[in-house]
C-alpha atoms as a PDB file:
ATOM      1  CA  MET A   1      -0.160  -0.086  -0.128  1.00  0.00           C
ATOM      2  CA  ILE A   2       1.115   3.634  -0.786  1.00  0.00           C
ATOM      3  CA  THR A   3       2.345   5.774   1.973  1.00  0.00           C
ATOM      4  CA  THR A   4       1.206   9.519   2.101  1.00  0.00           C
ATOM      5  CA  ASP A   5       4.709  10.480   1.520  1.00  0.00           C
ATOM      6  CA  GLN A   6       4.808   8.322  -1.675  1.00  0.00           C
ATOM      7  CA  TYR A   7       1.806   9.718  -2.267  1.00  0.00           C
ATOM      8  CA  ALA A   8       3.095  13.182  -1.978  1.00  0.00           C
ATOM      9  CA  ALA A   9       6.350  12.806  -4.064  1.00  0.00           C
ATOM     10  CA  SER A  10       4.563  11.276  -6.735  1.00  0.00           C
ATOM     11  CA  ILE A  11       2.555  14.338  -7.210  1.00  0.00           C
ATOM     12  CA  VAL A  12       5.665  16.571  -6.878  1.00  0.00           C
ATOM     13  CA  GLU A  13       7.335  14.527  -8.774  1.00  0.00           C
ATOM     14  CA  LYS A  14       4.399  14.607 -11.392  1.00  0.00           C
ATOM     15  CA  TYR A  15       4.398  18.684 -12.024  1.00  0.00           C
ATOM     16  CA  ARG A  16       8.113  19.517 -11.504  1.00  0.00           C
ATOM     17  CA  ILE A  17      10.176  20.945 -13.892  1.00  0.00           C
ATOM     18  CA  ILE A  18      13.952  19.326 -13.435  1.00  0.00           C
ATOM     19  CA  PRO A  19      16.603  21.857 -14.989  1.00  0.00           C
ATOM     20  CA  ASP A  20      18.095  20.537 -17.844  1.00  0.00           C
ATOM     21  CA  THR A  21      19.964  22.250 -21.122  1.00  0.00           C
ATOM     22  CA  LYS A  22      18.158  19.798 -23.119  1.00  0.00           C
ATOM     23  CA  SER A  23      14.691  20.673 -21.468  1.00  0.00           C
ATOM     24  CA  ALA A  24      11.413  21.913 -23.080  1.00  0.00           C
ATOM     25  CA  SER A  25      11.988  24.768 -20.634  1.00  0.00           C
ATOM     26  CA  HIS A  26      15.586  25.383 -21.294  1.00  0.00           C
ATOM     27  CA  ARG A  27      15.352  25.492 -25.051  1.00  0.00           C
ATOM     28  CA  ALA A  28      11.847  27.832 -25.126  1.00  0.00           C
ATOM     29  CA  ALA A  29      14.238  30.135 -22.688  1.00  0.00           C
ATOM     30  CA  ASP A  30      17.065  30.289 -25.631  1.00  0.00           C
ATOM     31  CA  ASP A  31      14.569  30.712 -28.174  1.00  0.00           C
ATOM     32  CA  VAL A  32      13.242  34.126 -26.866  1.00  0.00           C
ATOM     33  CA  LEU A  33      16.790  35.466 -26.145  1.00  0.00           C
ATOM     34  CA  PRO A  34      17.593  36.617 -29.427  1.00  0.00           C
ATOM     35  CA  LEU A  35      14.571  38.685 -29.083  1.00  0.00           C
ATOM     36  CA  ILE A  36      15.564  40.151 -26.405  1.00  0.00           C
ATOM     37  CA  LYS A  37      18.558  41.108 -27.169  1.00  0.00           C
ATOM     38  CA  LYS A  38      17.389  43.245 -29.765  1.00  0.00           C
ATOM     39  CA  TRP A  39      15.245  45.003 -27.268  1.00  0.00           C
ATOM     40  CA  GLY A  40      18.138  45.708 -24.855  1.00  0.00           C
ATOM     41  CA  LYS A  41      20.897  46.666 -26.965  1.00  0.00           C
ATOM     42  CA  GLU A  42      23.896  48.351 -25.340  1.00  0.00           C
ATOM     43  CA  HIS A  43      21.690  48.461 -22.229  1.00  0.00           C
ATOM     44  CA  LEU A  44      21.802  44.725 -21.826  1.00  0.00           C
ATOM     45  CA  LEU A  45      24.100  43.233 -19.151  1.00  0.00           C
ATOM     46  CA  GLY A  46      23.115  39.689 -19.428  1.00  0.00           C
ATOM     47  CA  LEU A  47      20.342  37.403 -19.419  1.00  0.00           C
ATOM     48  CA  THR A  48      20.255  34.380 -16.749  1.00  0.00           C
ATOM     49  CA  LEU A  49      18.094  31.769 -16.166  1.00  0.00           C
ATOM     50  CA  SER A  50      16.171  32.415 -12.688  1.00  0.00           C
ATOM     51  CA  GLY A  51      13.009  32.117 -10.647  1.00  0.00           C
ATOM     52  CA  ALA A  52      12.048  28.637  -9.875  1.00  0.00           C
ATOM     53  CA  TYR A  53      13.532  27.256 -12.445  1.00  0.00           C
ATOM     54  CA  ALA A  54      16.730  27.714 -10.901  1.00  0.00           C
ATOM     55  CA  LYS A  55      15.992  27.093  -7.537  1.00  0.00           C
ATOM     56  CA  ASN A  56      14.640  23.613  -8.803  1.00  0.00           C
ATOM     57  CA  THR A  57      10.990  24.731  -7.494  1.00  0.00           C
ATOM     58  CA  ALA A  58       9.505  25.031 -11.030  1.00  0.00           C
ATOM     59  CA  ILE A  59       5.864  23.326 -11.813  1.00  0.00           C
ATOM     60  CA  THR A  60       4.076  22.510 -15.056  1.00  0.00           C
ATOM     61  CA  LEU A  61       0.782  24.288 -13.679  1.00  0.00           C
ATOM     62  CA  SER A  62       2.713  27.944 -13.911  1.00  0.00           C
ATOM     63  CA  SER A  63       6.074  29.247 -14.806  1.00  0.00           C
ATOM     64  CA  HIS A  64       8.269  27.001 -16.808  1.00  0.00           C
ATOM     65  CA  VAL A  65      11.287  28.882 -16.555  1.00  0.00           C
ATOM     66  CA  ASP A  66      12.135  32.467 -15.558  1.00  0.00           C
ATOM     67  CA  VAL A  67      14.776  34.901 -17.366  1.00  0.00           C
ATOM     68  CA  LEU A  68      16.730  37.739 -15.646  1.00  0.00           C
ATOM     69  CA  ILE A  69      16.999  40.419 -18.103  1.00  0.00           C
ATOM     70  CA  ALA A  70      20.029  42.596 -16.254  1.00  0.00           C
ATOM     71  CA  LEU A  71      20.064  46.059 -17.504  1.00  0.00           C
ATOM     72  CA  SER A  72      22.572  48.841 -16.871  1.00  0.00           C
ATOM     73  CA  PRO A  73      20.294  51.850 -16.169  1.00  0.00           C
ATOM     74  CA  VAL A  74      19.060  53.590 -18.871  1.00  0.00           C
ATOM     75  CA  PRO A  75      18.948  57.739 -19.004  1.00  0.00           C
ATOM     76  CA  GLY A  76      15.735  59.195 -18.520  1.00  0.00           C
ATOM     77  CA  MET A  77      13.815  56.045 -18.125  1.00  0.00           C
ATOM     78  CA  GLU A  78      12.392  54.372 -14.541  1.00  0.00           C
ATOM     79  CA  MET A  79      11.826  50.935 -14.281  1.00  0.00           C
ATOM     80  CA  LYS A  80       8.471  51.394 -14.628  1.00  0.00           C
ATOM     81  CA  ASN A  81       8.773  53.107 -18.453  1.00  0.00           C
ATOM     82  CA  ILE A  82      11.494  50.149 -19.158  1.00  0.00           C
ATOM     83  CA  PHE A  83       8.908  47.316 -17.810  1.00  0.00           C
ATOM     84  CA  TRP A  84       6.198  48.695 -20.131  1.00  0.00           C
ATOM     85  CA  SER A  85       8.292  48.971 -22.834  1.00  0.00           C
ATOM     86  CA  LEU A  86       9.362  45.662 -22.862  1.00  0.00           C
ATOM     87  CA  PHE A  87       5.525  44.680 -22.782  1.00  0.00           C
ATOM     88  CA  LYS A  88       5.056  46.838 -26.015  1.00  0.00           C
ATOM     89  CA  TYR A  89       8.075  45.248 -27.693  1.00  0.00           C
ATOM     90  CA  LEU A  90       7.026  42.041 -26.960  1.00  0.00           C
ATOM     91  CA  SER A  91       2.901  43.173 -27.810  1.00  0.00           C
ATOM     92  CA  ASP A  92       4.248  44.280 -31.246  1.00  0.00           C
ATOM     93  CA  GLN A  93       6.005  41.107 -31.903  1.00  0.00           C
ATOM     94  CA  ASP A  94       2.398  39.676 -32.024  1.00  0.00           C
ATOM     95  CA  LEU A  95       3.436  37.447 -28.978  1.00  0.00           C
ATOM     96  CA  HIS A  96       0.471  37.594 -26.482  1.00  0.00           C
ATOM     97  CA  PRO A  97       2.575  39.187 -23.302  1.00  0.00           C
ATOM     98  CA  HIS A  98       0.578  39.392 -20.008  1.00  0.00           C
ATOM     99  CA  THR A  99       2.148  40.587 -17.352  1.00  0.00           C
ATOM    100  CA  ARG A 100       2.713  39.730 -13.902  1.00  0.00           C
ATOM    101  CA  ASP A 101       3.740  41.069 -10.293  1.00  0.00           C
ATOM    102  CA  VAL A 102       7.647  41.455 -11.600  1.00  0.00           C
ATOM    103  CA  SER A 103       7.635  39.680 -14.848  1.00  0.00           C
ATOM    104  CA  ILE A 104       6.004  39.492 -18.458  1.00  0.00           C
ATOM    105  CA  ARG A 105       5.020  36.046 -19.731  1.00  0.00           C
ATOM    106  CA  LEU A 106       4.870  34.932 -22.861  1.00  0.00           C
ATOM    107  CA  GLN A 107       4.432  31.382 -24.351  1.00  0.00           C
ATOM    108  CA  SER A 108       7.325  30.017 -26.590  1.00  0.00           C
ATOM    109  CA  GLY A 109       7.159  26.713 -27.947  1.00  0.00           C
ATOM    110  CA  GLY A 110       4.079  25.730 -25.841  1.00  0.00           C
ATOM    111  CA  VAL A 111       6.337  26.615 -22.411  1.00  0.00           C
ATOM    112  CA  ASN A 112       5.297  29.440 -20.305  1.00  0.00           C
ATOM    113  CA  VAL A 113       8.535  32.399 -19.861  1.00  0.00           C
ATOM    114  CA  ASP A 114       8.054  35.034 -17.460  1.00  0.00           C
ATOM    115  CA  LEU A 115      10.805  37.572 -18.391  1.00  0.00           C
ATOM    116  CA  ILE A 116      12.188  39.753 -15.551  1.00  0.00           C
ATOM    117  CA  PRO A 117      13.380  43.623 -16.602  1.00  0.00           C
ATOM    118  CA  ALA A 118      16.312  44.585 -14.159  1.00  0.00           C
ATOM    119  CA  CYS A 119      18.356  47.386 -13.425  1.00  0.00           C
ATOM    120  CA  ARG A 120      21.522  46.489 -11.884  1.00  0.00           C
ATOM    121  CA  ASP A 121      23.137  49.255  -9.920  1.00  0.00           C
ATOM    122  CA  HIS A 122      27.046  48.633 -10.055  1.00  0.00           C
ATOM    123  CA  GLU A 123      27.173  50.493  -6.224  1.00  0.00           C
ATOM    124  CA  THR A 124      25.202  47.771  -4.270  1.00  0.00           C
ATOM    125  CA  PRO A 125      24.441  44.232  -5.207  1.00  0.00           C
ATOM    126  CA  GLY A 126      21.314  42.789  -6.351  1.00  0.00           C
ATOM    127  CA  ASN A 127      18.319  44.643  -8.859  1.00  0.00           C
ATOM    128  CA  THR A 128      15.649  46.891  -9.023  1.00  0.00           C
ATOM    129  CA  LEU A 129      12.579  45.305 -10.426  1.00  0.00           C
ATOM    130  CA  PHE A 130       9.296  47.430 -11.188  1.00  0.00           C
ATOM    131  CA  HIS A 131       6.599  45.932  -8.937  1.00  0.00           C
ATOM    132  CA  LYS A 132       3.338  46.206 -10.655  1.00  0.00           C
ATOM    133  CA  ARG A 133       0.850  45.090  -7.831  1.00  0.00           C
ATOM    134  CA  SER A 134       2.653  48.484  -5.846  1.00  0.00           C
ATOM    135  CA  GLY A 135       3.093  50.320  -8.792  1.00  0.00           C
ATOM    136  CA  GLN A 136       6.908  51.161  -6.912  1.00  0.00           C
ATOM    137  CA  ALA A 137      10.087  50.079  -8.292  1.00  0.00           C
ATOM    138  CA  ILE A 138      11.727  48.104  -5.555  1.00  0.00           C
ATOM    139  CA  HIS A 139      15.466  46.697  -4.597  1.00  0.00           C
ATOM    140  CA  THR A 140      16.219  42.885  -4.072  1.00  0.00           C
ATOM    141  CA  ASP A 141      18.764  40.348  -5.097  1.00  0.00           C
ATOM    142  CA  ILE A 142      17.104  37.739  -7.191  1.00  0.00           C
ATOM    143  CA  ALA A 143      20.718  35.354  -7.252  1.00  0.00           C
ATOM    144  CA  ARG A 144      20.280  35.516  -3.442  1.00  0.00           C
ATOM    145  CA  HIS A 145      16.592  34.397  -3.194  1.00  0.00           C
ATOM    146  CA  VAL A 146      17.757  31.449  -5.722  1.00  0.00           C
ATOM    147  CA  HIS A 147      20.644  30.695  -3.867  1.00  0.00           C
ATOM    148  CA  LEU A 148      18.577  30.450   0.065  1.00  0.00           C
ATOM    149  CA  LEU A 149      16.257  28.392  -1.779  1.00  0.00           C
ATOM    150  CA  ALA A 150      18.533  26.501  -3.945  1.00  0.00           C
ATOM    151  CA  ASN A 151      20.509  25.370  -0.746  1.00  0.00           C
ATOM    152  CA  SER A 152      17.215  24.894   1.798  1.00  0.00           C
ATOM    153  CA  GLY A 153      16.844  21.291   1.368  1.00  0.00           C
ATOM    154  CA  ARG A 154      12.937  22.409   0.953  1.00  0.00           C
ATOM    155  CA  GLN A 155      12.284  21.886  -2.671  1.00  0.00           C
ATOM    156  CA  GLN A 156       9.958  19.429  -2.447  1.00  0.00           C
ATOM    157  CA  GLU A 157       7.739  20.976   0.426  1.00  0.00           C
ATOM    158  CA  VAL A 158       7.479  24.417  -2.012  1.00  0.00           C
ATOM    159  CA  CYS A 159       6.944  22.320  -5.245  1.00  0.00           C
ATOM    160  CA  ALA A 160       3.800  20.359  -3.176  1.00  0.00           C
ATOM    161  CA  PHE A 161       2.607  24.408  -2.222  1.00  0.00           C
ATOM    162  CA  LYS A 162       2.947  25.995  -5.597  1.00  0.00           C
ATOM    163  CA  ILE A 163       0.799  22.689  -6.411  1.00  0.00           C
ATOM    164  CA  TRP A 164      -1.548  23.281  -4.016  1.00  0.00           C
ATOM    165  CA  ARG A 165      -2.103  27.334  -4.834  1.00  0.00           C
ATOM    166  CA  GLU A 166      -2.925  26.573  -8.370  1.00  0.00           C
ATOM    167  CA  ARG A 167      -5.475  23.611  -7.457  1.00  0.00           C
ATOM    168  CA  MET A 168      -6.789  25.856  -4.875  1.00  0.00           C
ATOM    169  CA  SER A 169      -6.732  29.167  -7.332  1.00  0.00           C
ATOM    170  CA  LEU A 170      -5.051  30.934  -4.650  1.00  0.00           C
ATOM    171  CA  ASP A 171      -3.564  34.338  -4.784  1.00  0.00           C
ATOM    172  CA  PHE A 172      -0.229  33.798  -3.461  1.00  0.00           C
ATOM    173  CA  PRO A 173       3.139  35.011  -4.727  1.00  0.00           C
ATOM    174  CA  SER A 174       5.816  32.791  -5.318  1.00  0.00           C
ATOM    175  CA  LEU A 175       8.757  34.491  -3.284  1.00  0.00           C
ATOM    176  CA  TYR A 176       6.138  34.967  -0.303  1.00  0.00           C
ATOM    177  CA  LEU A 177       4.951  31.528  -0.600  1.00  0.00           C
ATOM    178  CA  GLU A 178       8.564  30.242  -0.401  1.00  0.00           C
ATOM    179  CA  LEU A 179       9.663  32.481   2.589  1.00  0.00           C
ATOM    180  CA  THR A 180       6.557  31.258   4.373  1.00  0.00           C
ATOM    181  CA  VAL A 181       7.497  27.535   3.811  1.00  0.00           C
ATOM    182  CA  LEU A 182      10.833  28.169   4.897  1.00  0.00           C
ATOM    183  CA  ARG A 183       9.463  29.459   8.013  1.00  0.00           C
ATOM    184  CA  ALA A 184       6.874  26.900   8.816  1.00  0.00           C
ATOM    185  CA  LEU A 185       9.492  24.524   8.136  1.00  0.00           C
ATOM    186  CA  GLY A 186      12.426  25.870  10.732  1.00  0.00           C
ATOM    187  CA  PRO A 187      12.368  23.193  13.026  1.00  0.00           C
ATOM    188  CA  GLU A 188      11.036  19.917  11.212  1.00  0.00           C
ATOM    189  CA  ARG A 189      13.052  17.470  10.299  1.00  0.00           C
ATOM    190  CA  PHE A 190      13.963  16.826   6.292  1.00  0.00           C
ATOM    191  CA  GLY A 191      12.769  13.771   4.527  1.00  0.00           C
ATOM    192  CA  GLN A 192       9.314  13.544   5.823  1.00  0.00           C
ATOM    193  CA  LEU A 193       7.579  14.929   3.038  1.00  0.00           C
ATOM    194  CA  ALA A 194       4.108  14.710   4.226  1.00  0.00           C
ATOM    195  CA  GLU A 195       4.276  15.265   7.543  1.00  0.00           C
ATOM    196  CA  ASN A 196       5.890  18.771   6.557  1.00  0.00           C
ATOM    197  CA  ILE A 197       2.889  19.675   4.300  1.00  0.00           C
ATOM    198  CA  LEU A 198       1.000  19.155   7.280  1.00  0.00           C
ATOM    199  CA  ALA A 199       3.139  21.348   9.405  1.00  0.00           C
ATOM    200  CA  VAL A 200       2.666  24.099   6.451  1.00  0.00           C
ATOM    201  CA  LEU A 201      -1.205  23.938   6.634  1.00  0.00           C
ATOM    202  CA  ARG A 202      -0.818  24.286  10.123  1.00  0.00           C
ATOM    203  CA  TYR A 203       1.257  27.007   9.957  1.00  0.00           C
ATOM    204  CA  LEU A 204      -0.988  28.877   7.567  1.00  0.00           C
ATOM    205  CA  SER A 205      -3.966  27.761   9.387  1.00  0.00           C
ATOM    206  CA  HIS A 206      -2.887  29.909  13.020  1.00  0.00           C
ATOM    207  CA  ARG A 207      -0.088  32.003  12.167  1.00  0.00           C
ATOM    208  CA  PHE A 208      -0.039  33.155   8.661  1.00  0.00           C
ATOM    209  CA  GLU A 209      -2.457  35.865   8.497  1.00  0.00           C
ATOM    210  CA  GLN A 210      -0.437  38.033  11.278  1.00  0.00           C
ATOM    211  CA  ALA A 211       2.885  36.772  10.029  1.00  0.00           C
ATOM    212  CA  VAL A 212       5.429  39.862   8.497  1.00  0.00           C
ATOM    213  CA  VAL A 213       7.769  38.627   6.590  1.00  0.00           C
ATOM    214  CA  ALA A 214      10.413  40.670   4.771  1.00  0.00           C
ATOM    215  CA  ASP A 215      12.629  39.898   1.441  1.00  0.00           C
ATOM    216  CA  PRO A 216      15.732  38.385   3.079  1.00  0.00           C
ATOM    217  CA  ALA A 217      17.782  40.671   0.774  1.00  0.00           C
ATOM    218  CA  ASN A 218      15.731  44.185   1.922  1.00  0.00           C
ATOM    219  CA  ALA A 219      14.669  43.889   5.017  1.00  0.00           C
ATOM    220  CA  ASP A 220      12.608  47.324   3.752  1.00  0.00           C
ATOM    221  CA  ASN A 221      10.794  45.382   1.114  1.00  0.00           C
ATOM    222  CA  ILE A 222       7.702  43.752   3.271  1.00  0.00           C
ATOM    223  CA  VAL A 223       6.598  40.741   1.056  1.00  0.00           C
ATOM    224  CA  SER A 224       3.679  40.040   3.038  1.00  0.00           C
ATOM    225  CA  SER A 225       2.242  43.480   2.479  1.00  0.00           C
ATOM    226  CA  ASP A 226       1.679  42.092  -1.550  1.00  0.00           C
ATOM    227  CA  LEU A 227      -1.247  40.218  -0.176  1.00  0.00           C
ATOM    228  CA  SER A 228      -4.434  42.109   1.414  1.00  0.00           C
ATOM    229  CA  ALA A 229      -6.076  40.794   4.399  1.00  0.00           C
ATOM    230  CA  ALA A 230      -8.912  39.101   2.357  1.00  0.00           C
ATOM    231  CA  ASP A 231      -6.194  37.411   0.276  1.00  0.00           C
ATOM    232  CA  LYS A 232      -4.382  36.062   3.184  1.00  0.00           C
ATOM    233  CA  LYS A 233      -7.923  34.968   4.596  1.00  0.00           C
ATOM    234  CA  ALA A 234      -8.595  33.104   1.675  1.00  0.00           C
ATOM    235  CA  ILE A 235      -4.826  30.873   1.980  1.00  0.00           C
ATOM    236  CA  ALA A 236      -5.919  30.176   5.423  1.00  0.00           C
ATOM    237  CA  THR A 237      -9.456  29.194   4.963  1.00  0.00           C
ATOM    238  CA  ALA A 238      -8.353  26.528   2.447  1.00  0.00           C
ATOM    239  CA  ALA A 239      -5.326  25.393   4.964  1.00  0.00           C
ATOM    240  CA  ARG A 240      -8.285  24.546   7.802  1.00  0.00           C
ATOM    241  CA  ASP A 241     -10.062  23.079   4.985  1.00  0.00           C
ATOM    242  CA  ALA A 242      -7.896  20.947   3.897  1.00  0.00           C
ATOM    243  CA  LEU A 243      -6.601  20.037   7.369  1.00  0.00           C
ATOM    244  CA  ASP A 244     -10.079  18.657   8.458  1.00  0.00           C
ATOM    245  CA  ASP A 245     -10.613  17.039   5.526  1.00  0.00           C
ATOM    246  CA  GLU A 246      -7.458  14.688   5.761  1.00  0.00           C
ATOM    247  CA  ASN A 247      -7.780  13.640   2.144  1.00  0.00           C
ATOM    248  CA  TRP A 248      -4.869  13.211   0.664  1.00  0.00           C
ATOM    249  CA  LYS A 249      -6.149  13.454  -2.725  1.00  0.00           C
ATOM    250  CA  LYS A 250      -7.771  16.829  -2.208  1.00  0.00           C
ATOM    251  CA  ILE A 251      -4.455  18.121  -0.844  1.00  0.00           C
ATOM    252  CA  LEU A 252      -2.455  17.151  -4.042  1.00  0.00           C
ATOM    253  CA  TRP A 253      -3.556  15.920  -7.078  1.00  0.00           C
END
């Protein structure tokens, strides 16, 4: 008989995208790069596979691969203008992009590719992004986020909650979700996937709504402010319902 750990692991592996240079996600990103180079021109400093793909927490139900577009500051243009300039450029190419919190998503070969335009300030580490939800530029360090998650040992649990988020149609930004899972699992043992999923559900049920979560790369950037009280309540309620039901096929599927 299959154990709850085995069941949870099988669902995670069903949707998890494994980073590989020969993968469909990697090829889709490669296909987009020439367009980005043409748009960025002399301001382009580099293109890096980033986000959930680099963290090994990408799932097929959401973004397949993220590309960080590092730019030098563009004279006379704020980060907001740069963001919308890329959106217009992609629209003009009939790529039908749509915007997300800090990225612009398009499809390439049937794969979701999220493009993250970011300016790099040589005086300080990290990146400046445009955050569409707040309408403001924010300073952060995406490489630090990648390093934190890639070395956490909690990628399976993060993937499980990204699957849960998509299945429950919850608004739960990925960085906020990732940091929440890490906080909830602080004292928990590794290698007990099902129990750890339940531990995160208990945290979401009782402590999540009041918790203040800051960006580990910038304490002034309060990630938990990205959601309204109603959005947080919806997450907490969904977690309580999952715990009350105790049916794994309704938690992950």
